């Protein structure tokens, strides 16, 4: 069976004045992960925040990944401690750039997850780009056990398309943080992904 549903609200849609409590509330409401967009002006045109903000968020979340109790990680330490590493592709990037990376003979050098951007990254609240879903479908067909994340414009009106294509990790910022009942939205997103999971 393909991997389980993972719902990860993007904190870009949170109220930054109450970010800590918003993050802990979203976990309590059923989120599996929080999606933290760290933008440095290179992969995307703008900047968000860095390690100090992430460290503060972690102190508000009931179950942060905590390798050896340290608050800052480098990539090698993260992998040694069992954390997962992923790779992202933008809308203009063809999916075939991933094939050699995902087929690496050294399992430790393969990403654990692929993030397919369904908007041009950098800003929240953009319209979902269904044109990116063939990438998700191609990844799922070739790698049935891979965590495939989609980020951008996802909500109750677009989740069926993403889940049917094969996405199992759903980043939904505005749909969750802007909802009257975030727990209900999280549950519906999860239910929809699970409906499309393949045996």
N, C-alpha and C. Protein backbone atom coordinates (compact mmCIF):
# COMPACT_ATOMS: atom_id res chain seq x y z
N UNK A 1 0.85 -1.18 0.00
CA UNK A 1 0.00 0.00 0.00
C UNK A 1 0.89 1.24 0.00
N UNK A 2 0.46 2.27 -0.69
CA UNK A 2 1.23 3.51 -0.72
C UNK A 2 1.28 4.12 0.68
N UNK A 3 2.22 5.03 0.92
CA UNK A 3 2.39 5.60 2.27
C UNK A 3 1.11 6.28 2.78
N UNK A 4 0.99 6.38 4.10
CA UNK A 4 -0.21 6.98 4.69
C UNK A 4 -0.28 8.49 4.46
N UNK A 5 -1.46 9.02 4.68
CA UNK A 5 -1.68 10.46 4.58
C UNK A 5 -0.90 11.17 5.68
N UNK A 6 -0.28 12.27 5.31
CA UNK A 6 0.42 13.14 6.25
C UNK A 6 -0.06 14.56 5.95
N UNK A 7 -0.65 15.20 6.93
CA UNK A 7 -1.18 16.56 6.74
C UNK A 7 -0.24 17.53 7.45
N UNK A 8 0.25 18.51 6.68
CA UNK A 8 1.27 19.44 7.18
C UNK A 8 0.89 20.88 6.84
N UNK A 9 0.16 21.56 7.71
CA UNK A 9 -0.17 22.96 7.43
C UNK A 9 1.09 23.83 7.32
N UNK A 10 1.09 24.71 6.35
CA UNK A 10 2.21 25.63 6.16
C UNK A 10 2.04 26.81 7.11
N UNK A 11 3.08 27.08 7.89
CA UNK A 11 2.97 28.18 8.85
C UNK A 11 3.04 29.54 8.19
N UNK A 12 3.29 29.60 6.87
CA UNK A 12 3.24 30.90 6.19
C UNK A 12 1.86 31.54 6.32
N UNK A 13 0.84 30.71 6.53
CA UNK A 13 -0.53 31.22 6.66
C UNK A 13 -0.93 31.48 8.10
N UNK A 14 -0.03 31.26 9.03
CA UNK A 14 -0.33 31.49 10.45
C UNK A 14 -0.25 32.98 10.79
N UNK A 15 -0.81 33.33 11.93
CA UNK A 15 -0.67 34.67 12.49
C UNK A 15 0.68 34.71 13.19
N UNK A 16 1.64 35.44 12.64
CA UNK A 16 2.99 35.44 13.20
C UNK A 16 3.05 36.09 14.58
N UNK A 17 2.04 36.85 14.93
CA UNK A 17 1.99 37.44 16.27
C UNK A 17 1.73 36.40 17.35
N UNK A 18 1.11 35.30 16.98
CA UNK A 18 0.81 34.21 17.92
C UNK A 18 1.30 32.88 17.35
N UNK A 19 2.44 32.91 16.69
CA UNK A 19 2.92 31.75 15.95
C UNK A 19 3.08 30.50 16.82
N UNK A 20 3.66 30.64 17.98
CA UNK A 20 3.86 29.47 18.84
C UNK A 20 2.56 28.78 19.19
N UNK A 21 1.58 29.55 19.64
CA UNK A 21 0.30 28.93 20.02
C UNK A 21 -0.44 28.41 18.79
N UNK A 22 -0.34 29.11 17.66
CA UNK A 22 -0.98 28.61 16.43
C UNK A 22 -0.40 27.26 16.03
N UNK A 23 0.90 27.11 16.14
CA UNK A 23 1.54 25.84 15.78
C UNK A 23 1.12 24.72 16.72
N UNK A 24 1.14 24.98 18.02
CA UNK A 24 0.74 23.93 18.97
C UNK A 24 -0.73 23.58 18.80
N UNK A 25 -1.56 24.55 18.49
CA UNK A 25 -2.99 24.29 18.26
C UNK A 25 -3.19 23.41 17.03
N UNK A 26 -2.46 23.66 15.96
CA UNK A 26 -2.63 22.86 14.73
C UNK A 26 -2.21 21.41 14.97
N UNK A 27 -1.19 21.18 15.76
CA UNK A 27 -0.80 19.81 16.10
C UNK A 27 -1.92 19.17 16.93
N UNK A 28 -2.45 19.90 17.90
CA UNK A 28 -3.54 19.37 18.73
C UNK A 28 -4.80 19.09 17.91
N UNK A 29 -4.97 19.82 16.81
CA UNK A 29 -6.15 19.64 15.96
C UNK A 29 -5.99 18.51 14.95
N UNK A 30 -4.85 17.82 14.98
CA UNK A 30 -4.69 16.64 14.14
C UNK A 30 -3.63 16.70 13.06
N UNK A 31 -2.90 17.79 12.96
CA UNK A 31 -1.82 17.85 11.96
C UNK A 31 -0.73 16.85 12.32
N UNK A 32 -0.14 16.25 11.30
CA UNK A 32 0.97 15.33 11.54
C UNK A 32 2.29 16.08 11.65
N UNK A 33 2.47 17.03 10.77
CA UNK A 33 3.68 17.85 10.71
C UNK A 33 3.26 19.30 10.58
N UNK A 34 4.22 20.20 10.78
CA UNK A 34 4.07 21.60 10.39
C UNK A 34 5.05 21.82 9.25
N UNK A 35 4.60 22.47 8.20
CA UNK A 35 5.46 22.77 7.05
C UNK A 35 6.06 24.15 7.28
N UNK A 36 7.36 24.21 7.38
CA UNK A 36 8.07 25.45 7.68
C UNK A 36 8.84 25.86 6.42
N UNK A 37 8.42 26.94 5.80
CA UNK A 37 9.07 27.44 4.59
C UNK A 37 10.22 28.36 4.96
N UNK A 38 11.43 27.83 4.91
CA UNK A 38 12.61 28.66 5.14
C UNK A 38 13.10 29.09 3.77
N UNK A 39 12.96 30.37 3.48
CA UNK A 39 13.33 30.91 2.17
C UNK A 39 14.50 31.86 2.33
N UNK A 40 15.51 31.66 1.48
CA UNK A 40 16.73 32.45 1.61
C UNK A 40 17.01 33.37 0.44
N UNK A 41 16.03 33.54 -0.46
CA UNK A 41 16.23 34.42 -1.60
C UNK A 41 16.96 33.79 -2.77
N UNK A 42 17.27 32.48 -2.69
CA UNK A 42 17.96 31.81 -3.79
C UNK A 42 17.02 30.87 -4.56
N UNK A 43 16.44 29.88 -3.89
CA UNK A 43 15.49 28.96 -4.54
C UNK A 43 14.21 29.70 -4.91
N UNK A 44 13.85 30.65 -4.08
CA UNK A 44 12.69 31.51 -4.33
C UNK A 44 13.13 32.97 -4.18
N UNK A 45 12.35 33.92 -4.72
CA UNK A 45 12.82 35.30 -4.73
C UNK A 45 12.77 36.04 -3.39
N UNK A 46 12.06 35.53 -2.43
CA UNK A 46 11.94 36.28 -1.17
C UNK A 46 12.56 35.52 -0.01
N UNK A 47 12.46 36.11 1.18
CA UNK A 47 13.03 35.52 2.39
C UNK A 47 11.94 35.43 3.45
N UNK A 48 12.06 34.41 4.30
CA UNK A 48 11.11 34.30 5.42
C UNK A 48 11.86 34.41 6.73
N UNK A 49 12.20 33.30 7.32
CA UNK A 49 12.83 33.27 8.63
C UNK A 49 13.84 32.14 8.66
N UNK A 50 14.61 32.08 9.72
CA UNK A 50 15.64 31.06 9.80
C UNK A 50 15.58 30.25 11.07
N UNK A 51 16.72 29.71 11.44
CA UNK A 51 16.82 28.78 12.57
C UNK A 51 16.29 29.34 13.89
N UNK A 52 16.51 30.63 14.23
CA UNK A 52 16.00 31.11 15.51
C UNK A 52 14.47 30.99 15.64
N UNK A 53 13.75 31.26 14.56
CA UNK A 53 12.29 31.14 14.60
C UNK A 53 11.90 29.67 14.73
N UNK A 54 12.57 28.80 13.99
CA UNK A 54 12.28 27.37 14.07
C UNK A 54 12.51 26.87 15.50
N UNK A 55 13.59 27.31 16.12
CA UNK A 55 13.88 26.91 17.50
C UNK A 55 12.76 27.36 18.43
N UNK A 56 12.27 28.56 18.26
CA UNK A 56 11.16 29.05 19.11
C UNK A 56 9.89 28.25 18.87
N UNK A 57 9.59 27.94 17.60
CA UNK A 57 8.40 27.14 17.30
C UNK A 57 8.49 25.80 18.00
N UNK A 58 9.66 25.18 17.93
CA UNK A 58 9.85 23.85 18.52
C UNK A 58 9.51 23.83 20.01
N UNK A 59 9.75 24.92 20.70
CA UNK A 59 9.46 24.96 22.14
C UNK A 59 7.97 24.99 22.42
N UNK A 60 7.14 25.25 21.39
CA UNK A 60 5.69 25.30 21.56
C UNK A 60 4.99 24.05 21.07
N UNK A 61 5.72 23.17 20.41
CA UNK A 61 5.11 21.99 19.80
C UNK A 61 5.37 20.78 20.69
N UNK A 62 4.32 20.02 20.93
CA UNK A 62 4.39 18.91 21.88
C UNK A 62 5.31 17.78 21.44
N UNK A 63 5.51 17.57 20.15
CA UNK A 63 6.33 16.44 19.72
C UNK A 63 7.32 16.80 18.61
N UNK A 64 8.20 17.75 18.87
CA UNK A 64 9.19 18.05 17.83
C UNK A 64 10.20 16.92 17.70
N UNK A 65 10.74 16.74 16.52
CA UNK A 65 11.84 15.80 16.35
C UNK A 65 13.02 16.41 17.07
N UNK A 66 13.64 15.65 17.92
CA UNK A 66 14.64 16.21 18.81
C UNK A 66 15.88 15.31 18.87
N UNK A 67 16.74 15.33 17.84
CA UNK A 67 17.92 14.49 17.90
C UNK A 67 18.86 14.92 19.01
N UNK A 68 19.07 14.06 19.97
CA UNK A 68 19.98 14.30 21.09
C UNK A 68 19.70 15.59 21.85
N UNK A 69 18.48 16.09 21.75
CA UNK A 69 18.12 17.30 22.47
C UNK A 69 18.73 18.56 21.90
N UNK A 70 19.35 18.49 20.74
CA UNK A 70 20.00 19.67 20.17
C UNK A 70 19.00 20.48 19.37
N UNK A 71 19.17 21.79 19.36
CA UNK A 71 18.22 22.66 18.68
C UNK A 71 18.59 23.02 17.26
N UNK A 72 19.81 22.77 16.85
CA UNK A 72 20.24 23.09 15.50
C UNK A 72 20.84 21.83 14.89
N UNK A 73 20.57 21.61 13.62
CA UNK A 73 21.04 20.39 12.97
C UNK A 73 21.83 20.73 11.72
N UNK A 74 22.80 19.89 11.39
CA UNK A 74 23.33 19.94 10.04
C UNK A 74 22.79 18.72 9.32
N UNK A 75 22.88 18.69 8.02
CA UNK A 75 22.24 17.62 7.24
C UNK A 75 22.76 16.25 7.62
N UNK A 76 24.06 16.11 7.80
CA UNK A 76 24.61 14.79 8.14
C UNK A 76 24.07 14.31 9.48
N UNK A 77 24.03 15.19 10.47
CA UNK A 77 23.52 14.81 11.78
C UNK A 77 22.05 14.45 11.69
N UNK A 78 21.29 15.21 10.93
CA UNK A 78 19.86 14.93 10.80
C UNK A 78 19.64 13.51 10.29
N UNK A 79 20.36 13.13 9.26
CA UNK A 79 20.19 11.80 8.68
C UNK A 79 20.69 10.73 9.64
N UNK A 80 21.83 10.96 10.30
CA UNK A 80 22.34 9.99 11.27
C UNK A 80 21.35 9.76 12.40
N UNK A 81 20.61 10.78 12.76
CA UNK A 81 19.65 10.68 13.86
C UNK A 81 18.28 10.20 13.41
N UNK A 82 18.16 9.84 12.14
CA UNK A 82 16.91 9.26 11.66
C UNK A 82 15.91 10.24 11.08
N UNK A 83 16.28 11.51 10.96
CA UNK A 83 15.37 12.46 10.33
C UNK A 83 15.38 12.22 8.83
N UNK A 84 14.31 12.61 8.17
CA UNK A 84 14.20 12.40 6.74
C UNK A 84 14.66 13.63 5.97
N UNK A 85 15.16 13.39 4.76
CA UNK A 85 15.57 14.47 3.87
C UNK A 85 14.76 14.38 2.59
N UNK A 86 14.34 15.52 2.09
CA UNK A 86 13.56 15.55 0.86
C UNK A 86 14.18 16.47 -0.16
N UNK A 87 13.62 16.45 -1.36
CA UNK A 87 14.06 17.32 -2.44
C UNK A 87 12.81 17.93 -3.07
N UNK A 88 12.90 19.20 -3.44
CA UNK A 88 11.75 19.91 -4.01
C UNK A 88 12.01 20.26 -5.47
N UNK A 89 10.92 20.25 -6.26
CA UNK A 89 11.02 20.73 -7.63
C UNK A 89 9.94 21.79 -7.86
N UNK A 90 10.34 22.84 -8.56
CA UNK A 90 9.44 23.94 -8.90
C UNK A 90 8.61 23.58 -10.14
N UNK A 91 7.57 24.35 -10.42
CA UNK A 91 6.76 24.08 -11.60
C UNK A 91 7.55 24.02 -12.91
N UNK A 92 8.58 24.81 -13.07
CA UNK A 92 9.32 24.81 -14.33
C UNK A 92 10.36 23.69 -14.43
N UNK A 93 10.51 22.89 -13.38
CA UNK A 93 11.50 21.82 -13.37
C UNK A 93 10.87 20.51 -13.83
N UNK A 94 11.44 19.87 -14.84
CA UNK A 94 10.88 18.59 -15.29
C UNK A 94 11.15 17.49 -14.26
N UNK A 95 10.22 16.56 -14.13
CA UNK A 95 10.34 15.50 -13.14
C UNK A 95 11.51 14.58 -13.43
N UNK A 96 11.92 14.47 -14.67
CA UNK A 96 12.99 13.53 -14.99
C UNK A 96 14.35 13.92 -14.41
N UNK A 97 14.49 15.13 -13.89
CA UNK A 97 15.74 15.48 -13.21
C UNK A 97 15.90 14.67 -11.92
N UNK A 98 14.82 14.07 -11.44
CA UNK A 98 14.86 13.31 -10.19
C UNK A 98 15.24 11.84 -10.37
N UNK A 99 15.13 11.31 -11.58
CA UNK A 99 15.28 9.86 -11.74
C UNK A 99 16.64 9.36 -11.28
N UNK A 100 17.72 10.01 -11.67
CA UNK A 100 19.05 9.56 -11.23
C UNK A 100 19.23 9.72 -9.73
N UNK A 101 18.70 10.79 -9.19
CA UNK A 101 18.81 11.03 -7.74
C UNK A 101 18.07 9.94 -6.97
N UNK A 102 16.86 9.61 -7.41
CA UNK A 102 16.06 8.61 -6.71
C UNK A 102 16.55 7.18 -6.94
N UNK A 103 17.32 6.97 -7.99
CA UNK A 103 17.85 5.63 -8.29
C UNK A 103 19.26 5.43 -7.76
N UNK A 104 19.77 6.37 -6.99
CA UNK A 104 21.13 6.27 -6.45
C UNK A 104 21.32 4.93 -5.75
N UNK A 105 22.40 4.24 -6.08
CA UNK A 105 22.67 2.94 -5.47
C UNK A 105 22.88 3.04 -3.97
N UNK A 106 23.39 4.16 -3.51
CA UNK A 106 23.61 4.35 -2.08
C UNK A 106 22.31 4.86 -1.46
N UNK A 107 21.63 3.99 -0.76
CA UNK A 107 20.32 4.32 -0.18
C UNK A 107 20.38 5.56 0.71
N UNK A 108 21.49 5.75 1.40
CA UNK A 108 21.63 6.90 2.30
C UNK A 108 21.68 8.23 1.55
N UNK A 109 21.96 8.18 0.27
CA UNK A 109 22.04 9.40 -0.52
C UNK A 109 20.76 9.68 -1.30
N UNK A 110 19.77 8.81 -1.16
CA UNK A 110 18.48 9.02 -1.83
C UNK A 110 17.56 9.84 -0.94
N UNK A 111 16.80 10.76 -1.50
CA UNK A 111 15.83 11.49 -0.67
C UNK A 111 14.72 10.56 -0.18
N UNK A 112 14.21 10.87 1.00
CA UNK A 112 13.10 10.11 1.58
C UNK A 112 11.76 10.61 1.05
N UNK A 113 11.77 11.80 0.49
CA UNK A 113 10.52 12.42 0.06
C UNK A 113 10.81 13.37 -1.10
N UNK A 114 9.82 13.52 -1.98
CA UNK A 114 9.90 14.52 -3.05
C UNK A 114 8.74 15.48 -2.86
N UNK A 115 9.05 16.77 -2.90
CA UNK A 115 8.04 17.83 -2.83
C UNK A 115 7.84 18.39 -4.23
N UNK A 116 6.63 18.26 -4.73
CA UNK A 116 6.27 18.84 -6.03
C UNK A 116 5.50 20.12 -5.74
N UNK A 117 6.07 21.24 -6.13
CA UNK A 117 5.40 22.52 -5.93
C UNK A 117 4.26 22.66 -6.93
N UNK A 118 3.07 22.97 -6.42
CA UNK A 118 1.90 23.17 -7.28
C UNK A 118 1.52 24.65 -7.36
N UNK A 119 2.49 25.49 -7.02
CA UNK A 119 2.46 26.94 -7.25
C UNK A 119 3.92 27.34 -7.47
N UNK A 120 4.14 28.55 -7.95
CA UNK A 120 5.50 29.06 -8.00
C UNK A 120 5.86 29.44 -6.56
N UNK A 121 6.91 28.84 -5.99
CA UNK A 121 7.19 29.01 -4.57
C UNK A 121 7.57 30.44 -4.20
N UNK A 122 7.26 30.76 -2.96
CA UNK A 122 7.68 32.05 -2.43
C UNK A 122 6.58 32.83 -1.74
N UNK A 123 5.33 32.58 -2.10
CA UNK A 123 4.24 33.36 -1.54
C UNK A 123 3.03 32.46 -1.29
N UNK A 124 2.36 32.64 -0.16
CA UNK A 124 1.17 31.86 0.15
C UNK A 124 -0.04 32.38 -0.60
N UNK A 125 -1.11 31.58 -0.60
CA UNK A 125 -2.39 32.00 -1.15
C UNK A 125 -2.50 31.97 -2.66
N UNK A 126 -1.59 31.28 -3.35
CA UNK A 126 -1.65 31.22 -4.81
C UNK A 126 -2.62 30.15 -5.28
N UNK A 127 -2.98 30.23 -6.56
CA UNK A 127 -3.91 29.27 -7.17
C UNK A 127 -3.18 27.97 -7.49
N UNK A 128 -3.81 26.86 -7.18
CA UNK A 128 -3.32 25.50 -7.43
C UNK A 128 -3.07 25.29 -8.92
N UNK A 129 -1.92 24.72 -9.24
CA UNK A 129 -1.55 24.44 -10.63
C UNK A 129 -1.69 22.94 -10.90
N UNK A 130 -2.86 22.53 -11.39
CA UNK A 130 -3.10 21.11 -11.69
C UNK A 130 -2.14 20.60 -12.76
N UNK A 131 -1.54 21.49 -13.52
CA UNK A 131 -0.59 21.10 -14.56
C UNK A 131 0.64 20.39 -13.99
N UNK A 132 0.86 20.48 -12.68
CA UNK A 132 2.01 19.83 -12.05
C UNK A 132 1.72 18.39 -11.61
N UNK A 133 0.46 17.99 -11.66
CA UNK A 133 0.09 16.66 -11.16
C UNK A 133 0.63 15.50 -11.98
N UNK A 134 0.88 15.64 -13.28
CA UNK A 134 1.53 14.52 -13.98
C UNK A 134 2.89 14.14 -13.37
N UNK A 135 3.58 15.11 -12.77
CA UNK A 135 4.85 14.80 -12.08
C UNK A 135 4.58 13.89 -10.89
N UNK A 136 3.53 14.21 -10.15
CA UNK A 136 3.16 13.40 -8.98
C UNK A 136 2.81 11.99 -9.44
N UNK A 137 2.02 11.90 -10.48
CA UNK A 137 1.59 10.59 -11.00
C UNK A 137 2.80 9.77 -11.46
N UNK A 138 3.72 10.40 -12.18
CA UNK A 138 4.92 9.70 -12.65
C UNK A 138 5.76 9.21 -11.48
N UNK A 139 5.91 10.03 -10.46
CA UNK A 139 6.66 9.63 -9.27
C UNK A 139 5.99 8.46 -8.57
N UNK A 140 4.67 8.53 -8.39
CA UNK A 140 3.96 7.46 -7.69
C UNK A 140 4.04 6.14 -8.46
N UNK A 141 3.94 6.22 -9.79
CA UNK A 141 4.03 4.99 -10.60
C UNK A 141 5.40 4.35 -10.49
N UNK A 142 6.43 5.17 -10.47
CA UNK A 142 7.80 4.66 -10.44
C UNK A 142 8.26 4.31 -9.02
N UNK A 143 7.75 5.02 -8.03
CA UNK A 143 8.17 4.83 -6.63
C UNK A 143 6.94 4.73 -5.73
N UNK A 144 6.29 3.57 -5.69
CA UNK A 144 5.03 3.43 -4.95
C UNK A 144 5.14 3.64 -3.44
N UNK A 145 6.34 3.50 -2.87
CA UNK A 145 6.50 3.64 -1.42
C UNK A 145 7.09 4.98 -0.99
N UNK A 146 7.31 5.87 -1.93
CA UNK A 146 7.93 7.17 -1.65
C UNK A 146 6.90 8.14 -1.08
N UNK A 147 7.31 8.93 -0.08
CA UNK A 147 6.47 10.03 0.36
C UNK A 147 6.53 11.12 -0.70
N UNK A 148 5.36 11.46 -1.25
CA UNK A 148 5.27 12.50 -2.28
C UNK A 148 4.42 13.62 -1.72
N UNK A 149 5.05 14.78 -1.58
CA UNK A 149 4.42 15.95 -0.97
C UNK A 149 4.02 16.93 -2.07
N UNK A 150 2.87 17.55 -1.90
CA UNK A 150 2.47 18.64 -2.78
C UNK A 150 2.23 19.88 -1.93
N UNK A 151 2.62 21.02 -2.47
CA UNK A 151 2.54 22.27 -1.72
C UNK A 151 2.13 23.38 -2.68
N UNK A 152 1.01 24.01 -2.36
CA UNK A 152 0.59 25.17 -3.13
C UNK A 152 -0.85 25.08 -3.58
N UNK A 153 -1.70 25.93 -3.01
CA UNK A 153 -3.09 26.02 -3.44
C UNK A 153 -3.95 24.84 -3.05
N UNK A 154 -3.52 24.08 -2.06
CA UNK A 154 -4.27 22.89 -1.67
C UNK A 154 -5.32 23.20 -0.62
N UNK A 155 -6.46 22.59 -0.79
CA UNK A 155 -7.57 22.73 0.14
C UNK A 155 -8.63 21.72 -0.22
N UNK A 156 -9.81 21.86 0.32
CA UNK A 156 -10.87 20.90 0.08
C UNK A 156 -11.30 20.86 -1.38
N UNK A 157 -11.13 21.93 -2.12
CA UNK A 157 -11.51 21.96 -3.52
C UNK A 157 -10.48 21.37 -4.47
N UNK A 158 -9.26 21.14 -4.00
CA UNK A 158 -8.19 20.62 -4.87
C UNK A 158 -7.59 19.31 -4.39
N UNK A 159 -7.93 18.89 -3.18
CA UNK A 159 -7.30 17.71 -2.59
C UNK A 159 -7.56 16.44 -3.39
N UNK A 160 -8.75 16.29 -3.95
CA UNK A 160 -9.05 15.07 -4.72
C UNK A 160 -8.08 14.90 -5.88
N UNK A 161 -7.80 15.99 -6.59
CA UNK A 161 -6.89 15.91 -7.74
C UNK A 161 -5.49 15.48 -7.30
N UNK A 162 -5.00 16.09 -6.23
CA UNK A 162 -3.65 15.79 -5.75
C UNK A 162 -3.56 14.36 -5.22
N UNK A 163 -4.55 13.94 -4.45
CA UNK A 163 -4.54 12.60 -3.88
C UNK A 163 -4.69 11.54 -4.97
N UNK A 164 -5.55 11.78 -5.93
CA UNK A 164 -5.74 10.82 -7.02
C UNK A 164 -4.45 10.66 -7.84
N UNK A 165 -3.69 11.74 -7.99
CA UNK A 165 -2.41 11.67 -8.71
C UNK A 165 -1.37 10.87 -7.94
N UNK A 166 -1.54 10.76 -6.62
CA UNK A 166 -0.62 9.95 -5.82
C UNK A 166 0.05 10.66 -4.67
N UNK A 167 -0.27 11.93 -4.43
CA UNK A 167 0.34 12.64 -3.30
C UNK A 167 -0.19 12.09 -1.99
N UNK A 168 0.71 11.93 -1.02
CA UNK A 168 0.26 11.49 0.31
C UNK A 168 0.63 12.49 1.41
N UNK A 169 1.54 13.42 1.13
CA UNK A 169 1.90 14.46 2.10
C UNK A 169 1.31 15.77 1.57
N UNK A 170 0.40 16.34 2.33
CA UNK A 170 -0.36 17.50 1.86
C UNK A 170 -0.01 18.73 2.69
N UNK A 171 0.49 19.76 2.01
CA UNK A 171 0.76 21.04 2.65
C UNK A 171 -0.42 21.94 2.33
N UNK A 172 -1.12 22.36 3.36
CA UNK A 172 -2.30 23.22 3.18
C UNK A 172 -2.22 24.33 4.21
N UNK A 173 -1.83 25.50 3.79
CA UNK A 173 -1.69 26.62 4.70
C UNK A 173 -2.98 27.36 4.93
N UNK A 174 -3.41 28.11 3.92
CA UNK A 174 -4.62 28.93 4.04
C UNK A 174 -5.84 28.08 4.36
N UNK A 175 -5.92 26.88 3.76
CA UNK A 175 -7.09 26.02 3.97
C UNK A 175 -7.23 25.60 5.43
N UNK A 176 -6.11 25.43 6.13
CA UNK A 176 -6.16 25.01 7.53
C UNK A 176 -6.16 26.23 8.45
N UNK A 177 -5.18 27.12 8.30
CA UNK A 177 -5.07 28.26 9.21
C UNK A 177 -6.23 29.24 9.05
N UNK A 178 -6.86 29.27 7.87
CA UNK A 178 -7.97 30.18 7.64
C UNK A 178 -9.35 29.57 7.86
N UNK A 179 -9.39 28.32 8.27
CA UNK A 179 -10.67 27.62 8.43
C UNK A 179 -11.36 27.97 9.74
N UNK A 180 -12.69 27.95 9.71
CA UNK A 180 -13.47 28.10 10.95
C UNK A 180 -13.22 26.91 11.86
N UNK A 181 -13.08 25.72 11.26
CA UNK A 181 -12.85 24.50 12.02
C UNK A 181 -11.64 23.77 11.43
N UNK A 182 -10.42 24.17 11.82
CA UNK A 182 -9.23 23.56 11.24
C UNK A 182 -9.17 22.04 11.44
N UNK A 183 -9.61 21.55 12.58
CA UNK A 183 -9.57 20.10 12.83
C UNK A 183 -10.41 19.35 11.80
N UNK A 184 -11.54 19.91 11.43
CA UNK A 184 -12.41 19.29 10.43
C UNK A 184 -11.74 19.28 9.06
N UNK A 185 -11.09 20.37 8.70
CA UNK A 185 -10.39 20.45 7.41
C UNK A 185 -9.24 19.43 7.38
N UNK A 186 -8.47 19.36 8.45
CA UNK A 186 -7.37 18.39 8.53
C UNK A 186 -7.91 16.97 8.37
N UNK A 187 -8.99 16.66 9.06
CA UNK A 187 -9.59 15.31 8.97
C UNK A 187 -10.07 15.02 7.55
N UNK A 188 -10.69 15.99 6.90
CA UNK A 188 -11.19 15.78 5.53
C UNK A 188 -10.04 15.62 4.54
N UNK A 189 -8.97 16.37 4.71
CA UNK A 189 -7.80 16.21 3.84
C UNK A 189 -7.24 14.80 3.99
N UNK A 190 -7.08 14.35 5.24
CA UNK A 190 -6.54 13.01 5.51
C UNK A 190 -7.45 11.93 4.91
N UNK A 191 -8.74 12.08 5.12
CA UNK A 191 -9.72 11.11 4.62
C UNK A 191 -9.63 11.00 3.09
N UNK A 192 -9.50 12.13 2.43
CA UNK A 192 -9.42 12.12 0.97
C UNK A 192 -8.15 11.44 0.48
N UNK A 193 -7.01 11.74 1.10
CA UNK A 193 -5.76 11.08 0.70
C UNK A 193 -5.89 9.57 0.91
N UNK A 194 -6.41 9.17 2.05
CA UNK A 194 -6.53 7.74 2.34
C UNK A 194 -7.47 7.04 1.37
N UNK A 195 -8.47 7.76 0.87
CA UNK A 195 -9.41 7.19 -0.10
C UNK A 195 -8.70 6.76 -1.38
N UNK A 196 -7.64 7.47 -1.74
CA UNK A 196 -6.94 7.20 -3.00
C UNK A 196 -5.68 6.33 -2.83
N UNK A 197 -5.36 5.92 -1.61
CA UNK A 197 -4.17 5.09 -1.41
C UNK A 197 -4.30 3.78 -2.16
N UNK A 198 -3.22 3.37 -2.78
CA UNK A 198 -3.21 2.15 -3.60
C UNK A 198 -2.69 0.96 -2.80
N UNK A 199 -3.28 -0.19 -3.09
CA UNK A 199 -2.81 -1.46 -2.49
C UNK A 199 -1.48 -1.83 -3.10
